[in-house]
Amino acid sequence: MSGAATPPARPVPKRPFVAGIIFLAAGIGLAVLAWMPIAEDRHLAANGVRTEARVPSIEEHRRRGVSTYYPVFLFRTADGRMLRERSSVSVPSVEPYRSGRPVAVVYDPANPSSVRPADSVGGGVGALSWILAALALTAFGLAAVALFKRRS
């Protein structure tokens, strides 16, 4: 009975594919954002120059009622230049920076504006990088489900 009509093929919906591409792009973006502070920390740990600095001021940034503090460091580079740069990372407490005592900092000799307290270098990164990495993995998982879902 070769005369039996076969039903027309249904078009494959494009929504899962588009969603997969969106999740894949989000995962890549989140992975890059998670990696940036890790890469900077590793770079400073390997190539940074340690020196003493003074803290002439502290910048406070408020967002949604939460204050974040960035000390401004006054320090001399290895080539003798005196620089005034804001820390590239926030500090949990301003007390160690108010006393006028010297503070150990690490700066990137190729980019001296990248300076941070010495105790924040090489000790790992904060929770934000781990959260972004987890979100990136979630987005990759959703992308895989959407892109490779068995079509029935």
Protein backbone atom coordinates (compact mmCIF):
# COMPACT_ATOMS: atom_id res chain seq x y z
CA MET A 1 0.00 0.00 0.00
CA SER A 2 2.33 2.63 -1.19
CA GLY A 3 -0.50 5.03 -1.82
CA ALA A 4 -0.85 5.92 1.89
CA ALA A 5 -0.34 9.61 2.40
CA THR A 6 2.29 10.62 4.89
CA PRO A 7 1.47 13.54 7.13
CA PRO A 8 3.38 16.72 6.31
CA ALA A 9 6.45 17.29 8.46
CA ARG A 10 5.91 19.78 11.25
CA PRO A 11 8.36 22.66 11.31
CA VAL A 12 10.83 22.54 14.18
CA PRO A 13 10.14 25.35 16.65
CA LYS A 14 12.97 27.87 16.86
CA ARG A 15 12.31 29.02 20.43
CA PRO A 16 14.53 26.43 22.16
CA PHE A 17 17.40 27.23 19.79
CA VAL A 18 17.09 30.99 20.34
CA ALA A 19 16.81 30.48 24.10
CA GLY A 20 19.88 28.25 24.00
CA ILE A 21 21.89 30.90 22.17
CA ILE A 22 20.79 33.56 24.69
CA PHE A 23 21.75 31.35 27.65
CA LEU A 24 25.06 30.49 25.99
CA ALA A 25 25.88 34.18 25.49
CA ALA A 26 24.88 34.95 29.09
CA GLY A 27 27.06 32.10 30.33
CA ILE A 28 30.07 33.35 28.39
CA GLY A 29 29.55 36.89 29.68
CA LEU A 30 29.19 35.74 33.29
CA ALA A 31 32.25 33.51 32.98
CA VAL A 32 34.32 36.46 31.75
CA LEU A 33 33.05 38.65 34.60
CA ALA A 34 33.88 35.91 37.09
CA TRP A 35 37.39 35.44 35.67
CA MET A 36 38.43 39.13 35.56
CA PRO A 37 39.06 39.64 39.31
CA ILE A 38 40.76 36.24 39.53
CA ALA A 39 43.10 37.14 36.65
CA GLU A 40 43.88 40.56 38.16
CA ASP A 41 44.64 39.01 41.56
CA ARG A 42 46.95 36.41 40.00
CA HIS A 43 48.67 39.05 37.87
CA LEU A 44 49.36 41.27 40.88
CA ALA A 45 50.54 38.31 42.98
CA ALA A 46 53.03 37.35 40.24
CA ASN A 47 54.11 40.78 38.93
CA GLY A 48 53.09 43.37 41.50
CA VAL A 49 55.51 45.60 43.36
CA ARG A 50 55.06 45.92 47.11
CA THR A 51 55.59 49.34 48.69
CA GLU A 52 54.38 51.49 51.55
CA ALA A 53 51.65 54.07 51.11
CA ARG A 54 49.83 56.72 53.10
CA VAL A 55 46.06 57.17 52.95
CA PRO A 56 45.16 60.86 52.51
CA SER A 57 41.46 60.11 51.97
CA ILE A 58 38.85 57.38 51.73
CA GLU A 59 36.13 57.39 49.07
CA GLU A 60 32.72 56.17 50.19
CA HIS A 61 30.25 54.81 47.67
CA ARG A 62 26.67 54.22 48.82
CA ARG A 63 24.29 51.93 47.00
CA ARG A 64 20.95 50.86 48.39
CA GLY A 65 21.94 51.98 51.87
CA VAL A 66 25.21 50.00 51.90
CA SER A 67 28.54 51.81 52.04
CA THR A 68 31.62 50.58 50.22
CA TYR A 69 35.00 52.13 51.00
CA TYR A 70 37.97 52.65 48.70
CA PRO A 71 41.14 54.08 50.27
CA VAL A 72 43.15 56.53 48.20
CA PHE A 73 46.85 55.66 48.39
CA LEU A 74 49.78 58.05 48.14
CA PHE A 75 52.85 55.99 47.23
CA ARG A 76 56.19 56.11 45.44
CA THR A 77 56.80 53.79 42.50
CA ALA A 78 60.05 51.90 41.95
CA ASP A 79 61.14 54.56 39.44
CA GLY A 80 60.60 57.36 41.99
CA ARG A 81 57.27 58.81 40.84
CA MET A 82 54.86 59.84 43.59
CA LEU A 83 51.32 58.72 42.74
CA ARG A 84 47.91 59.21 44.28
CA GLU A 85 45.58 56.38 43.23
CA ARG A 86 42.33 54.89 44.48
CA SER A 87 42.38 51.25 45.53
CA SER A 88 41.12 48.93 42.81
CA VAL A 89 39.27 46.91 45.47
CA SER A 90 37.04 47.96 48.32
CA VAL A 91 38.03 47.38 51.94
CA PRO A 92 35.75 45.89 54.60
CA SER A 93 36.74 48.41 57.28
CA VAL A 94 38.19 51.91 57.17
CA GLU A 95 39.78 51.74 60.63
CA PRO A 96 43.21 50.43 59.52
CA TYR A 97 43.43 53.32 57.05
CA ARG A 98 42.47 56.24 59.33
CA SER A 99 45.36 56.10 61.77
CA GLY A 100 47.93 57.66 59.44
CA ARG A 101 50.21 54.63 59.73
CA PRO A 102 51.94 53.39 56.60
CA VAL A 103 49.96 50.76 54.72
CA ALA A 104 51.53 48.02 52.60
CA VAL A 105 50.18 48.09 49.04
CA VAL A 106 50.87 46.21 45.82
CA TYR A 107 50.71 47.95 42.45
CA ASP A 108 51.15 46.84 38.87
CA PRO A 109 54.35 48.43 37.49
CA ALA A 110 52.88 48.37 33.97
CA ASN A 111 49.73 50.13 35.22
CA PRO A 112 50.38 51.83 38.59
CA SER A 113 46.74 52.92 38.86
CA SER A 114 46.01 49.26 39.63
CA VAL A 115 46.89 49.34 43.32
CA ARG A 116 45.38 47.56 46.30
CA PRO A 117 46.18 46.70 49.91
CA ALA A 118 48.89 44.03 50.07
CA ASP A 119 46.77 41.80 52.31
CA SER A 120 44.14 41.54 49.55
CA VAL A 121 46.58 40.11 46.98
CA GLY A 122 47.08 36.39 46.55
CA GLY A 123 44.50 35.42 49.14
CA GLY A 124 41.83 34.48 46.65
CA VAL A 125 38.86 36.44 45.47
CA GLY A 126 35.59 37.27 47.14
CA ALA A 127 32.24 35.58 46.92
CA LEU A 128 31.11 37.61 43.90
CA SER A 129 33.41 35.72 41.53
CA TRP A 130 32.09 32.39 42.82
CA ILE A 131 28.49 33.56 42.47
CA LEU A 132 29.13 34.73 38.89
CA ALA A 133 30.84 31.43 38.10
CA ALA A 134 27.84 29.50 39.46
CA LEU A 135 25.47 31.64 37.39
CA ALA A 136 27.66 31.04 34.32
CA LEU A 137 27.49 27.27 34.85
CA THR A 138 23.72 27.50 35.29
CA ALA A 139 23.41 29.48 32.05
CA PHE A 140 25.61 26.93 30.24
CA GLY A 141 23.40 24.13 31.57
CA LEU A 142 20.23 25.86 30.40
CA ALA A 143 21.85 26.50 27.02
CA ALA A 144 22.75 22.82 26.71
CA VAL A 145 19.21 21.76 27.57
CA ALA A 146 17.71 24.21 25.08
CA LEU A 147 20.18 23.49 22.27
CA PHE A 148 20.43 19.73 22.58
CA LYS A 149 16.94 18.86 23.74
CA ARG A 150 15.58 15.81 21.95
CA ARG A 151 12.95 16.82 19.53
CA SER A 152 9.94 14.55 19.52
